[in-house]
Amino acid sequence: MRNNTYDDNNIFSMILNGKIPCEKVYESKYSLAFRDVYPKAPTHVLVIPKNKYVNFNDFSAEASIEELSDIFKTILKVVEIEGIKDSGYRVTTNSGKDANQEVQHLHFHVIGGRKLGRND
């Protein structure tokens, strides 16, 4: 599936290419973390792989061990930077049409900074 349905004009690709600015929280060799422009909580950070992966299925099947490990280490780094590691946080990703994935570039939402409800 890799790159067959990837759109180089998606917003995250444009952020990675420097065409659109972002408020960077953390960057590693394989991942970028930045603030969501429409936050659902005091902490709402998006973590994306730098390579072209449409969704979790694509990433899980095609990413290198280094990329797989790095994205989860980046998420942990974000919760440490944001000071929510001990208080609690939510990590989610939507994969595919039925999950309402809006941007066709894999991304994880890291949400916290307050008590979260079921619908957050």
PDB file of N, CA and C in Angstrom:
ATOM      1  N   MET A   1       0.815  -1.189   0.000  1.00  0.00           N
ATOM      2  CA  MET A   1       0.000   0.000   0.000  1.00  0.00           C
ATOM      3  C   MET A   1       0.862   1.257   0.000  1.00  0.00           C
ATOM      4  N   ARG A   2       2.084   1.184   0.447  1.00  0.00           N
ATOM      5  CA  ARG A   2       2.912   2.376   0.618  1.00  0.00           C
ATOM      6  C   ARG A   2       3.000   3.196  -0.658  1.00  0.00           C
ATOM      7  N   ASN A   3       2.705   4.474  -0.483  1.00  0.00           N
ATOM      8  CA  ASN A   3       2.800   5.490  -1.526  1.00  0.00           C
ATOM      9  C   ASN A   3       1.767   5.357  -2.644  1.00  0.00           C
ATOM     10  N   ASN A   4       1.020   4.239  -2.701  1.00  0.00           N
ATOM     11  CA  ASN A   4       0.027   4.095  -3.758  1.00  0.00           C
ATOM     12  C   ASN A   4      -1.096   5.113  -3.621  1.00  0.00           C
ATOM     13  N   THR A   5      -1.476   5.430  -2.392  1.00  0.00           N
ATOM     14  CA  THR A   5      -2.566   6.375  -2.179  1.00  0.00           C
ATOM     15  C   THR A   5      -2.092   7.615  -1.427  1.00  0.00           C
ATOM     16  N   TYR A   6      -0.800   7.765  -1.294  1.00  0.00           N
ATOM     17  CA  TYR A   6      -0.271   8.909  -0.557  1.00  0.00           C
ATOM     18  C   TYR A   6      -0.369  10.167  -1.409  1.00  0.00           C
ATOM     19  N   ASP A   7      -0.892  11.227  -0.808  1.00  0.00           N
ATOM     20  CA  ASP A   7      -1.038  12.514  -1.489  1.00  0.00           C
ATOM     21  C   ASP A   7       0.027  13.479  -0.972  1.00  0.00           C
ATOM     22  N   ASP A   8       0.968  13.827  -1.822  1.00  0.00           N
ATOM     23  CA  ASP A   8       2.045  14.738  -1.427  1.00  0.00           C
ATOM     24  C   ASP A   8       1.550  16.138  -1.086  1.00  0.00           C
ATOM     25  N   ASN A   9       0.297  16.429  -1.384  1.00  0.00           N
ATOM     26  CA  ASN A   9      -0.267  17.742  -1.079  1.00  0.00           C
ATOM     27  C   ASN A   9      -1.059  17.764   0.222  1.00  0.00           C
ATOM     28  N   ASN A  10      -1.002  16.675   1.004  1.00  0.00           N
ATOM     29  CA  ASN A  10      -1.713  16.707   2.291  1.00  0.00           C
ATOM     30  C   ASN A  10      -0.996  17.674   3.235  1.00  0.00           C
ATOM     31  N   ILE A  11      -1.736  18.180   4.202  1.00  0.00           N
ATOM     32  CA  ILE A  11      -1.214  19.242   5.069  1.00  0.00           C
ATOM     33  C   ILE A  11       0.042  18.821   5.833  1.00  0.00           C
ATOM     34  N   PHE A  12       0.121  17.551   6.253  1.00  0.00           N
ATOM     35  CA  PHE A  12       1.301  17.121   7.011  1.00  0.00           C
ATOM     36  C   PHE A  12       2.524  17.009   6.108  1.00  0.00           C
ATOM     37  N   SER A  13       2.330  16.610   4.875  1.00  0.00           N
ATOM     38  CA  SER A  13       3.431  16.596   3.916  1.00  0.00           C
ATOM     39  C   SER A  13       3.946  18.016   3.690  1.00  0.00           C
ATOM     40  N   MET A  14       3.019  18.966   3.604  1.00  0.00           N
ATOM     41  CA  MET A  14       3.420  20.364   3.405  1.00  0.00           C
ATOM     42  C   MET A  14       4.146  20.914   4.629  1.00  0.00           C
ATOM     43  N   ILE A  15       3.756  20.480   5.823  1.00  0.00           N
ATOM     44  CA  ILE A  15       4.483  20.873   7.039  1.00  0.00           C
ATOM     45  C   ILE A  15       5.892  20.296   7.003  1.00  0.00           C
ATOM     46  N   LEU A  16       6.001  19.015   6.666  1.00  0.00           N
ATOM     47  CA  LEU A  16       7.316  18.370   6.607  1.00  0.00           C
ATOM     48  C   LEU A  16       8.225  19.013   5.560  1.00  0.00           C
ATOM     49  N   ASN A  17       7.633  19.498   4.477  1.00  0.00           N
ATOM     50  CA  ASN A  17       8.408  20.127   3.402  1.00  0.00           C
ATOM     51  C   ASN A  17       8.652  21.614   3.626  1.00  0.00           C
ATOM     52  N   GLY A  18       8.183  22.138   4.765  1.00  0.00           N
ATOM     53  CA  GLY A  18       8.404  23.537   5.092  1.00  0.00           C
ATOM     54  C   GLY A  18       7.493  24.513   4.373  1.00  0.00           C
ATOM     55  N   LYS A  19       6.467  24.013   3.688  1.00  0.00           N
ATOM     56  CA  LYS A  19       5.541  24.890   2.968  1.00  0.00           C
ATOM     57  C   LYS A  19       4.511  25.520   3.897  1.00  0.00           C
ATOM     58  N   ILE A  20       4.246  24.856   5.021  1.00  0.00           N
ATOM     59  CA  ILE A  20       3.309  25.357   6.028  1.00  0.00           C
ATOM     60  C   ILE A  20       4.035  25.317   7.367  1.00  0.00           C
ATOM     61  N   PRO A  21       3.969  26.393   8.151  1.00  0.00           N
ATOM     62  CA  PRO A  21       4.642  26.388   9.460  1.00  0.00           C
ATOM     63  C   PRO A  21       3.876  25.554  10.487  1.00  0.00           C
ATOM     64  N   CYS A  22       4.585  25.149  11.530  1.00  0.00           N
ATOM     65  CA  CYS A  22       3.957  24.454  12.649  1.00  0.00           C
ATOM     66  C   CYS A  22       4.651  24.903  13.929  1.00  0.00           C
ATOM     67  N   GLU A  23       3.977  24.674  15.036  1.00  0.00           N
ATOM     68  CA  GLU A  23       4.583  24.953  16.340  1.00  0.00           C
ATOM     69  C   GLU A  23       5.202  23.652  16.843  1.00  0.00           C
ATOM     70  N   LYS A  24       6.479  23.483  16.543  1.00  0.00           N
ATOM     71  CA  LYS A  24       7.174  22.237  16.843  1.00  0.00           C
ATOM     72  C   LYS A  24       7.360  22.062  18.344  1.00  0.00           C
ATOM     73  N   VAL A  25       7.082  20.838  18.807  1.00  0.00           N
ATOM     74  CA  VAL A  25       7.308  20.461  20.196  1.00  0.00           C
ATOM     75  C   VAL A  25       8.591  19.650  20.303  1.00  0.00           C
ATOM     76  N   TYR A  26       8.811  18.766  19.323  1.00  0.00           N
ATOM     77  CA  TYR A  26       9.978  17.884  19.352  1.00  0.00           C
ATOM     78  C   TYR A  26      10.184  17.317  17.947  1.00  0.00           C
ATOM     79  N   GLU A  27      11.439  17.063  17.617  1.00  0.00           N
ATOM     80  CA  GLU A  27      11.758  16.448  16.335  1.00  0.00           C
ATOM     81  C   GLU A  27      12.874  15.445  16.535  1.00  0.00           C
ATOM     82  N   SER A  28      12.732  14.295  15.895  1.00  0.00           N
ATOM     83  CA  SER A  28      13.764  13.265  15.922  1.00  0.00           C
ATOM     84  C   SER A  28      14.165  12.962  14.476  1.00  0.00           C
ATOM     85  N   LYS A  29      14.983  11.966  14.304  1.00  0.00           N
ATOM     86  CA  LYS A  29      15.421  11.586  12.964  1.00  0.00           C
ATOM     87  C   LYS A  29      14.245  11.148  12.089  1.00  0.00           C
ATOM     88  N   TYR A  30      13.269  10.457  12.691  1.00  0.00           N
ATOM     89  CA  TYR A  30      12.185   9.864  11.914  1.00  0.00           C
ATOM     90  C   TYR A  30      10.803  10.455  12.176  1.00  0.00           C
ATOM     91  N   SER A  31      10.659  11.306  13.181  1.00  0.00           N
ATOM     92  CA  SER A  31       9.336  11.795  13.591  1.00  0.00           C
ATOM     93  C   SER A  31       9.348  13.295  13.858  1.00  0.00           C
ATOM     94  N   LEU A  32       8.160  13.880  13.750  1.00  0.00           N
ATOM     95  CA  LEU A  32       7.966  15.289  14.081  1.00  0.00           C
ATOM     96  C   LEU A  32       6.735  15.394  14.972  1.00  0.00           C
ATOM     97  N   ALA A  33       6.847  16.177  16.048  1.00  0.00           N
ATOM     98  CA  ALA A  33       5.725  16.431  16.954  1.00  0.00           C
ATOM     99  C   ALA A  33       5.451  17.929  16.968  1.00  0.00           C
ATOM    100  N   PHE A  34       4.181  18.292  16.797  1.00  0.00           N
ATOM    101  CA  PHE A  34       3.809  19.706  16.771  1.00  0.00           C
ATOM    102  C   PHE A  34       2.397  19.879  17.323  1.00  0.00           C
ATOM    103  N   ARG A  35       2.093  21.099  17.741  1.00  0.00           N
ATOM    104  CA  ARG A  35       0.796  21.390  18.353  1.00  0.00           C
ATOM    105  C   ARG A  35      -0.328  21.368  17.316  1.00  0.00           C
ATOM    106  N   ASP A  36      -1.458  20.790  17.730  1.00  0.00           N
ATOM    107  CA  ASP A  36      -2.660  20.797  16.901  1.00  0.00           C
ATOM    108  C   ASP A  36      -3.197  22.230  16.849  1.00  0.00           C
ATOM    109  N   VAL A  37      -3.595  22.689  15.683  1.00  0.00           N
ATOM    110  CA  VAL A  37      -4.103  24.059  15.563  1.00  0.00           C
ATOM    111  C   VAL A  37      -5.517  24.200  16.128  1.00  0.00           C
ATOM    112  N   TYR A  38      -6.207  23.079  16.347  1.00  0.00           N
ATOM    113  CA  TYR A  38      -7.540  23.077  16.963  1.00  0.00           C
ATOM    114  C   TYR A  38      -7.520  22.140  18.167  1.00  0.00           C
ATOM    115  N   PRO A  39      -6.829  22.527  19.240  1.00  0.00           N
ATOM    116  CA  PRO A  39      -6.639  21.608  20.374  1.00  0.00           C
ATOM    117  C   PRO A  39      -7.944  21.244  21.077  1.00  0.00           C
ATOM    118  N   LYS A  40      -8.022  19.980  21.498  1.00  0.00           N
ATOM    119  CA  LYS A  40      -9.170  19.465  22.243  1.00  0.00           C
ATOM    120  C   LYS A  40      -8.925  19.494  23.745  1.00  0.00           C
ATOM    121  N   ALA A  41      -7.714  19.836  24.153  1.00  0.00           N
ATOM    122  CA  ALA A  41      -7.317  19.873  25.567  1.00  0.00           C
ATOM    123  C   ALA A  41      -6.096  20.785  25.678  1.00  0.00           C
ATOM    124  N   PRO A  42      -5.690  21.142  26.911  1.00  0.00           N
ATOM    125  CA  PRO A  42      -4.504  21.995  27.074  1.00  0.00           C
ATOM    126  C   PRO A  42      -3.268  21.455  26.350  1.00  0.00           C
ATOM    127  N   THR A  43      -3.098  20.142  26.356  1.00  0.00           N
ATOM    128  CA  THR A  43      -2.044  19.516  25.553  1.00  0.00           C
ATOM    129  C   THR A  43      -2.717  18.743  24.433  1.00  0.00           C
ATOM    130  N   HIS A  44      -2.428  19.122  23.213  1.00  0.00           N
ATOM    131  CA  HIS A  44      -2.903  18.371  22.042  1.00  0.00           C
ATOM    132  C   HIS A  44      -1.808  18.481  20.990  1.00  0.00           C
ATOM    133  N   VAL A  45      -0.992  17.441  20.934  1.00  0.00           N
ATOM    134  CA  VAL A  45       0.172  17.412  20.056  1.00  0.00           C
ATOM    135  C   VAL A  45      -0.016  16.299  19.036  1.00  0.00           C
ATOM    136  N   LEU A  46       0.348  16.567  17.804  1.00  0.00           N
ATOM    137  CA  LEU A  46       0.320  15.561  16.749  1.00  0.00           C
ATOM    138  C   LEU A  46       1.731  15.042  16.537  1.00  0.00           C
ATOM    139  N   VAL A  47       1.851  13.726  16.431  1.00  0.00           N
ATOM    140  CA  VAL A  47       3.143  13.088  16.173  1.00  0.00           C
ATOM    141  C   VAL A  47       3.019  12.350  14.849  1.00  0.00           C
ATOM    142  N   ILE A  48       3.908  12.677  13.912  1.00  0.00           N
ATOM    143  CA  ILE A  48       3.843  12.077  12.580  1.00  0.00           C
ATOM    144  C   ILE A  48       5.203  11.505  12.187  1.00  0.00           C
ATOM    145  N   PRO A  49       5.188  10.438  11.386  1.00  0.00           N
ATOM    146  CA  PRO A  49       6.451   9.966  10.818  1.00  0.00           C
ATOM    147  C   PRO A  49       6.877  10.918   9.701  1.00  0.00           C
ATOM    148  N   LYS A  50       8.166  11.039   9.498  1.00  0.00           N
ATOM    149  CA  LYS A  50       8.661  11.913   8.430  1.00  0.00           C
ATOM    150  C   LYS A  50       8.514  11.279   7.050  1.00  0.00           C
ATOM    151  N   ASN A  51       8.469   9.962   7.000  1.00  0.00           N
ATOM    152  CA  ASN A  51       8.287   9.290   5.716  1.00  0.00           C
ATOM    153  C   ASN A  51       6.809   9.209   5.360  1.00  0.00           C
ATOM    154  N   LYS A  52       6.526   8.831   4.142  1.00  0.00           N
ATOM    155  CA  LYS A  52       5.173   8.839   3.583  1.00  0.00           C
ATOM    156  C   LYS A  52       4.417   7.560   3.943  1.00  0.00           C
ATOM    157  N   TYR A  53       3.633   7.630   5.003  1.00  0.00           N
ATOM    158  CA  TYR A  53       2.770   6.523   5.407  1.00  0.00           C
ATOM    159  C   TYR A  53       1.350   7.054   5.515  1.00  0.00           C
ATOM    160  N   VAL A  54       0.427   6.398   4.854  1.00  0.00           N
ATOM    161  CA  VAL A  54      -0.957   6.853   4.824  1.00  0.00           C
ATOM    162  C   VAL A  54      -1.642   6.642   6.164  1.00  0.00           C
ATOM    163  N   ASN A  55      -1.485   5.450   6.730  1.00  0.00           N
ATOM    164  CA  ASN A  55      -2.194   5.129   7.972  1.00  0.00           C
ATOM    165  C   ASN A  55      -1.414   4.099   8.783  1.00  0.00           C
ATOM    166  N   PHE A  56      -2.018   3.639   9.873  1.00  0.00           N
ATOM    167  CA  PHE A  56      -1.340   2.704  10.772  1.00  0.00           C
ATOM    168  C   PHE A  56      -1.032   1.382  10.079  1.00  0.00           C
ATOM    169  N   ASN A  57      -1.924   0.903   9.226  1.00  0.00           N
ATOM    170  CA  ASN A  57      -1.676  -0.350   8.503  1.00  0.00           C
ATOM    171  C   ASN A  57      -0.435  -0.224   7.628  1.00  0.00           C
ATOM    172  N   ASP A  58      -0.353   0.854   6.896  1.00  0.00           N
ATOM    173  CA  ASP A  58       0.774   1.134   6.012  1.00  0.00           C
ATOM    174  C   ASP A  58       2.075   1.216   6.814  1.00  0.00           C
ATOM    175  N   PHE A  59       2.045   1.991   7.888  1.00  0.00           N
ATOM    176  CA  PHE A  59       3.222   2.176   8.737  1.00  0.00           C
ATOM    177  C   PHE A  59       3.667   0.857   9.360  1.00  0.00           C
ATOM    178  N   SER A  60       2.729   0.100   9.911  1.00  0.00           N
ATOM    179  CA  SER A  60       3.058  -1.166  10.577  1.00  0.00           C
ATOM    180  C   SER A  60       3.685  -2.164   9.615  1.00  0.00           C
ATOM    181  N   ALA A  61       3.212  -2.169   8.377  1.00  0.00           N
ATOM    182  CA  ALA A  61       3.709  -3.122   7.387  1.00  0.00           C
ATOM    183  C   ALA A  61       5.009  -2.687   6.725  1.00  0.00           C
ATOM    184  N   GLU A  62       5.213  -1.387   6.566  1.00  0.00           N
ATOM    185  CA  GLU A  62       6.316  -0.898   5.740  1.00  0.00           C
ATOM    186  C   GLU A  62       7.451  -0.183   6.473  1.00  0.00           C
ATOM    187  N   ALA A  63       7.199   0.314   7.660  1.00  0.00           N
ATOM    188  CA  ALA A  63       8.224   1.093   8.368  1.00  0.00           C
ATOM    189  C   ALA A  63       9.360   0.205   8.857  1.00  0.00           C
ATOM    190  N   SER A  64      10.528   0.793   8.943  1.00  0.00           N
ATOM    191  CA  SER A  64      11.685   0.080   9.495  1.00  0.00           C
ATOM    192  C   SER A  64      11.524  -0.058  11.011  1.00  0.00           C
ATOM    193  N   ILE A  65      12.283  -0.950  11.592  1.00  0.00           N
ATOM    194  CA  ILE A  65      12.282  -1.120  13.050  1.00  0.00           C
ATOM    195  C   ILE A  65      12.648   0.203  13.721  1.00  0.00           C
ATOM    196  N   GLU A  66      13.583   0.925  13.135  1.00  0.00           N
ATOM    197  CA  GLU A  66      14.001   2.211  13.693  1.00  0.00           C
ATOM    198  C   GLU A  66      12.848   3.219  13.695  1.00  0.00           C
ATOM    199  N   GLU A  67      12.095   3.262  12.602  1.00  0.00           N
ATOM    200  CA  GLU A  67      10.956   4.182  12.533  1.00  0.00           C
ATOM    201  C   GLU A  67       9.867   3.788  13.525  1.00  0.00           C
ATOM    202  N   LEU A  68       9.582   2.490  13.607  1.00  0.00           N
ATOM    203  CA  LEU A  68       8.564   2.006  14.543  1.00  0.00           C
ATOM    204  C   LEU A  68       8.928   2.379  15.973  1.00  0.00           C
ATOM    205  N   SER A  69      10.158   2.110  16.345  1.00  0.00           N
ATOM    206  CA  SER A  69      10.624   2.418  17.698  1.00  0.00           C
ATOM    207  C   SER A  69      10.628   3.922  17.946  1.00  0.00           C
ATOM    208  N   ASP A  70      11.091   4.668  16.970  1.00  0.00           N
ATOM    209  CA  ASP A  70      11.240   6.112  17.125  1.00  0.00           C
ATOM    210  C   ASP A  70       9.918   6.823  17.371  1.00  0.00           C
ATOM    211  N   ILE A  71       8.872   6.425  16.686  1.00  0.00           N
ATOM    212  CA  ILE A  71       7.616   7.163  16.843  1.00  0.00           C
ATOM    213  C   ILE A  71       7.073   7.013  18.257  1.00  0.00           C
ATOM    214  N   PHE A  72       7.241   5.821  18.849  1.00  0.00           N
ATOM    215  CA  PHE A  72       6.761   5.630  20.216  1.00  0.00           C
ATOM    216  C   PHE A  72       7.670   6.323  21.230  1.00  0.00           C
ATOM    217  N   LYS A  73       8.960   6.373  20.945  1.00  0.00           N
ATOM    218  CA  LYS A  73       9.865   7.133  21.812  1.00  0.00           C
ATOM    219  C   LYS A  73       9.577   8.632  21.706  1.00  0.00           C
ATOM    220  N   THR A  74       9.197   9.086  20.528  1.00  0.00           N
ATOM    221  CA  THR A  74       8.826  10.489  20.346  1.00  0.00           C
ATOM    222  C   THR A  74       7.573  10.818  21.145  1.00  0.00           C
ATOM    223  N   ILE A  75       6.588   9.930  21.117  1.00  0.00           N
ATOM    224  CA  ILE A  75       5.374  10.145  21.914  1.00  0.00           C
ATOM    225  C   ILE A  75       5.734  10.260  23.389  1.00  0.00           C
ATOM    226  N   LEU A  76       6.596   9.383  23.877  1.00  0.00           N
ATOM    227  CA  LEU A  76       7.020   9.445  25.279  1.00  0.00           C
ATOM    228  C   LEU A  76       7.755  10.752  25.567  1.00  0.00           C
ATOM    229  N   LYS A  77       8.595  11.193  24.659  1.00  0.00           N
ATOM    230  CA  LYS A  77       9.308  12.461  24.832  1.00  0.00           C
ATOM    231  C   LYS A  77       8.317  13.622  24.917  1.00  0.00           C
ATOM    232  N   VAL A  78       7.281  13.595  24.096  1.00  0.00           N
ATOM    233  CA  VAL A  78       6.260  14.652  24.112  1.00  0.00           C
ATOM    234  C   VAL A  78       5.563  14.713  25.463  1.00  0.00           C
ATOM    235  N   VAL A  79       5.153  13.563  26.010  1.00  0.00           N
ATOM    236  CA  VAL A  79       4.444  13.600  27.299  1.00  0.00           C
ATOM    237  C   VAL A  79       5.367  14.074  28.417  1.00  0.00           C
ATOM    238  N   GLU A  80       6.663  13.797  28.288  1.00  0.00           N
ATOM    239  CA  GLU A  80       7.630  14.320  29.263  1.00  0.00           C
ATOM    240  C   GLU A  80       7.770  15.833  29.116  1.00  0.00           C
ATOM    241  N   ILE A  81       7.938  16.316  27.899  1.00  0.00           N
ATOM    242  CA  ILE A  81       8.071  17.757  27.643  1.00  0.00           C
ATOM    243  C   ILE A  81       6.832  18.502  28.128  1.00  0.00           C
ATOM    244  N   GLU A  82       5.671  17.940  27.872  1.00  0.00           N
ATOM    245  CA  GLU A  82       4.406  18.591  28.215  1.00  0.00           C
ATOM    246  C   GLU A  82       4.033  18.442  29.689  1.00  0.00           C
ATOM    247  N   GLY A  83       4.774  17.615  30.425  1.00  0.00           N
ATOM    248  CA  GLY A  83       4.521  17.448  31.852  1.00  0.00           C
ATOM    249  C   GLY A  83       3.265  16.657  32.181  1.00  0.00           C
ATOM    250  N   ILE A  84       2.873  15.739  31.295  1.00  0.00           N
ATOM    251  CA  ILE A  84       1.655  14.951  31.524  1.00  0.00           C
ATOM    252  C   ILE A  84       1.931  13.457  31.688  1.00  0.00           C
ATOM    253  N   LYS A  85       3.193  13.102  31.791  1.00  0.00           N
ATOM    254  CA  LYS A  85       3.556  11.688  31.884  1.00  0.00           C
ATOM    255  C   LYS A  85       2.912  11.021  33.096  1.00  0.00           C
ATOM    256  N   ASP A  86       2.931  11.677  34.234  1.00  0.00           N
ATOM    257  CA  ASP A  86       2.404  11.077  35.457  1.00  0.00           C
ATOM    258  C   ASP A  86       0.913  11.326  35.655  1.00  0.00           C
ATOM    259  N   SER A  87       0.408  12.461  35.193  1.00  0.00           N
ATOM    260  CA  SER A  87      -1.011  12.786  35.404  1.00  0.00           C
ATOM    261  C   SER A  87      -1.932  12.014  34.469  1.00  0.00           C
ATOM    262  N   GLY A  88      -1.426  11.617  33.313  1.00  0.00           N
ATOM    263  CA  GLY A  88      -2.210  10.830  32.370  1.00  0.00           C
ATOM    264  C   GLY A  88      -2.438  11.547  31.053  1.00  0.00           C
ATOM    265  N   TYR A  89      -2.636  10.762  30.032  1.00  0.00           N
ATOM    266  CA  TYR A  89      -2.797  11.285  28.679  1.00  0.00           C
ATOM    267  C   TYR A  89      -3.431  10.211  27.803  1.00  0.00           C
ATOM    268  N   ARG A  90      -3.852  10.620  26.633  1.00  0.00           N
ATOM    269  CA  ARG A  90      -4.445   9.705  25.658  1.00  0.00           C
ATOM    270  C   ARG A  90      -3.647   9.795  24.366  1.00  0.00           C
ATOM    271  N   VAL A  91      -3.404   8.628  23.750  1.00  0.00           N
ATOM    272  CA  VAL A  91      -2.755   8.561  22.441  1.00  0.00           C
ATOM    273  C   VAL A  91      -3.724   7.845  21.508  1.00  0.00           C
ATOM    274  N   THR A  92      -4.103   8.510  20.418  1.00  0.00           N
ATOM    275  CA  THR A  92      -5.029   7.898  19.468  1.00  0.00           C
ATOM    276  C   THR A  92      -4.560   8.129  18.041  1.00  0.00           C
ATOM    277  N   THR A  93      -5.025   7.246  17.163  1.00  0.00           N
ATOM    278  CA  THR A  93      -4.850   7.440  15.728  1.00  0.00           C
ATOM    279  C   THR A  93      -6.094   6.916  15.037  1.00  0.00           C
ATOM    280  N   ASN A  94      -6.488   7.569  13.980  1.00  0.00           N
ATOM    281  CA  ASN A  94      -7.605   7.104  13.165  1.00  0.00           C
ATOM    282  C   ASN A  94      -7.022   6.510  11.897  1.00  0.00           C
ATOM    283  N   SER A  95      -7.513   5.337  11.524  1.00  0.00           N
ATOM    284  CA  SER A  95      -6.965   4.653  10.361  1.00  0.00           C
ATOM    285  C   SER A  95      -8.090   4.286   9.397  1.00  0.00           C
ATOM    286  N   GLY A  96      -8.186   5.032   8.322  1.00  0.00           N
ATOM    287  CA  GLY A  96      -9.170   4.729   7.291  1.00  0.00           C
ATOM    288  C   GLY A  96     -10.455   5.529   7.383  1.00  0.00           C
ATOM    289  N   LYS A  97     -11.268   5.360   6.355  1.00  0.00           N
ATOM    290  CA  LYS A  97     -12.503   6.126   6.184  1.00  0.00           C
ATOM    291  C   LYS A  97     -13.483   5.925   7.340  1.00  0.00           C
ATOM    292  N   ASP A  98     -13.723   4.688   7.740  1.00  0.00           N
ATOM    293  CA  ASP A  98     -14.698   4.426   8.800  1.00  0.00           C
ATOM    294  C   ASP A  98     -14.257   4.966  10.155  1.00  0.00           C
ATOM    295  N   ALA A  99     -12.976   5.197  10.325  1.00  0.00           N
ATOM    296  CA  ALA A  99     -12.456   5.783  11.572  1.00  0.00           C
ATOM    297  C   ALA A  99     -12.404   7.309  11.483  1.00  0.00           C
ATOM    298  N   ASN A 100     -12.823   7.841  10.341  1.00  0.00           N
ATOM    299  CA  ASN A 100     -12.838   9.285  10.109  1.00  0.00           C
ATOM    300  C   ASN A 100     -11.431   9.885  10.057  1.00  0.00           C
ATOM    301  N   GLN A 101     -10.503   9.165   9.427  1.00  0.00           N
ATOM    302  CA  GLN A 101      -9.161   9.713   9.231  1.00  0.00           C
ATOM    303  C   GLN A 101      -9.262  10.855   8.231  1.00  0.00           C
ATOM    304  N   GLU A 102      -8.962  12.058   8.679  1.00  0.00           N
ATOM    305  CA  GLU A 102      -9.131  13.238   7.835  1.00  0.00           C
ATOM    306  C   GLU A 102      -7.910  13.546   6.979  1.00  0.00           C
ATOM    307  N   VAL A 103      -6.719  13.337   7.513  1.00  0.00           N
ATOM    308  CA  VAL A 103      -5.484  13.600   6.766  1.00  0.00           C
ATOM    309  C   VAL A 103      -4.843  12.257   6.448  1.00  0.00           C
ATOM    310  N   GLN A 104      -4.562  12.028   5.177  1.00  0.00           N
ATOM    311  CA  GLN A 104      -4.031  10.741   4.738  1.00  0.00           C
ATOM    312  C   GLN A 104      -2.511  10.669   4.897  1.00  0.00           C
ATOM    313  N   HIS A 105      -2.082  10.962   6.109  1.00  0.00           N
ATOM    314  CA  HIS A 105      -0.694  10.791   6.548  1.00  0.00           C
ATOM    315  C   HIS A 105      -0.817  10.344   7.996  1.00  0.00           C
ATOM    316  N   LEU A 106      -0.234   9.201   8.326  1.00  0.00           N
ATOM    317  CA  LEU A 106      -0.356   8.677   9.685  1.00  0.00           C
ATOM    318  C   LEU A 106      -0.030   9.751  10.708  1.00  0.00           C
ATOM    319  N   HIS A 107      -0.879   9.867  11.717  1.00  0.00           N
ATOM    320  CA  HIS A 107      -0.614  10.806  12.806  1.00  0.00           C
ATOM    321  C   HIS A 107      -1.250  10.297  14.090  1.00  0.00           C
ATOM    322  N   PHE A 108      -0.549  10.536  15.168  1.00  0.00           N
ATOM    323  CA  PHE A 108      -1.022  10.198  16.503  1.00  0.00           C
ATOM    324  C   PHE A 108      -1.369  11.488  17.226  1.00  0.00           C
ATOM    325  N   HIS A 109      -2.510  11.491  17.892  1.00  0.00           N
ATOM    326  CA  HIS A 109      -2.906  12.605  18.751  1.00  0.00           C
ATOM    327  C   HIS A 109      -2.456  12.274  20.168  1.00  0.00           C
ATOM    328  N   VAL A 110      -1.717  13.164  20.790  1.00  0.00           N
ATOM    329  CA  VAL A 110      -1.335  13.039  22.201  1.00  0.00           C
ATOM    330  C   VAL A 110      -2.114  14.131  22.920  1.00  0.00           C
ATOM    331  N   ILE A 111      -3.064  13.709  23.761  1.00  0.00           N
ATOM    332  CA  ILE A 111      -3.999  14.640  24.387  1.00  0.00           C
ATOM    333  C   ILE A 111      -3.933  14.497  25.899  1.00  0.00           C
ATOM    334  N   GLY A 112      -3.878  15.616  26.605  1.00  0.00           N
ATOM    335  CA  GLY A 112      -3.855  15.585  28.067  1.00  0.00           C
ATOM    336  C   GLY A 112      -3.878  16.983  28.643  1.00  0.00           C
ATOM    337  N   GLY A 113      -3.492  17.070  29.906  1.00  0.00           N
ATOM    338  CA  GLY A 113      -3.458  18.360  30.575  1.00  0.00           C
ATOM    339  C   GLY A 113      -4.710  18.667  31.363  1.00  0.00           C
ATOM    340  N   ARG A 114      -5.679  17.760  31.313  1.00  0.00           N
ATOM    341  CA  ARG A 114      -6.906  17.873  32.103  1.00  0.00           C
ATOM    342  C   ARG A 114      -7.554  16.489  32.141  1.00  0.00           C
ATOM    343  N   LYS A 115      -8.564  16.328  32.984  1.00  0.00           N
ATOM    344  CA  LYS A 115      -9.300  15.071  33.025  1.00  0.00           C
ATOM    345  C   LYS A 115     -10.060  14.929  31.713  1.00  0.00           C
ATOM    346  N   LEU A 116      -9.852  13.823  31.030  1.00  0.00           N
ATOM    347  CA  LEU A 116     -10.479  13.599  29.735  1.00  0.00           C
ATOM    348  C   LEU A 116     -11.742  12.760  29.892  1.00  0.00           C
ATOM    349  N   GLY A 117     -12.759  13.101  29.122  1.00  0.00           N
ATOM    350  CA  GLY A 117     -13.992  12.328  29.114  1.00  0.00           C
ATOM    351  C   GLY A 117     -13.972  11.285  28.015  1.00  0.00           C
ATOM    352  N   ARG A 118     -15.013  10.518  27.937  1.00  0.00           N
ATOM    353  CA  ARG A 118     -15.113   9.465  26.916  1.00  0.00           C
ATOM    354  C   ARG A 118     -15.162  10.028  25.500  1.00  0.00           C
ATOM    355  N   ASN A 119     -15.668  11.216  25.341  1.00  0.00           N
ATOM    356  CA  ASN A 119     -15.849  11.791  24.005  1.00  0.00           C
ATOM    357  C   ASN A 119     -14.750  12.765  23.591  1.00  0.00           C
ATOM    358  N   ASP A 120     -13.696  12.859  24.373  1.00  0.00           N
ATOM    359  CA  ASP A 120     -12.584  13.757  24.024  1.00  0.00           C
ATOM    360  C   ASP A 120     -11.686  13.120  22.990  1.00  0.00           C
TER     361      ASP A 120
END
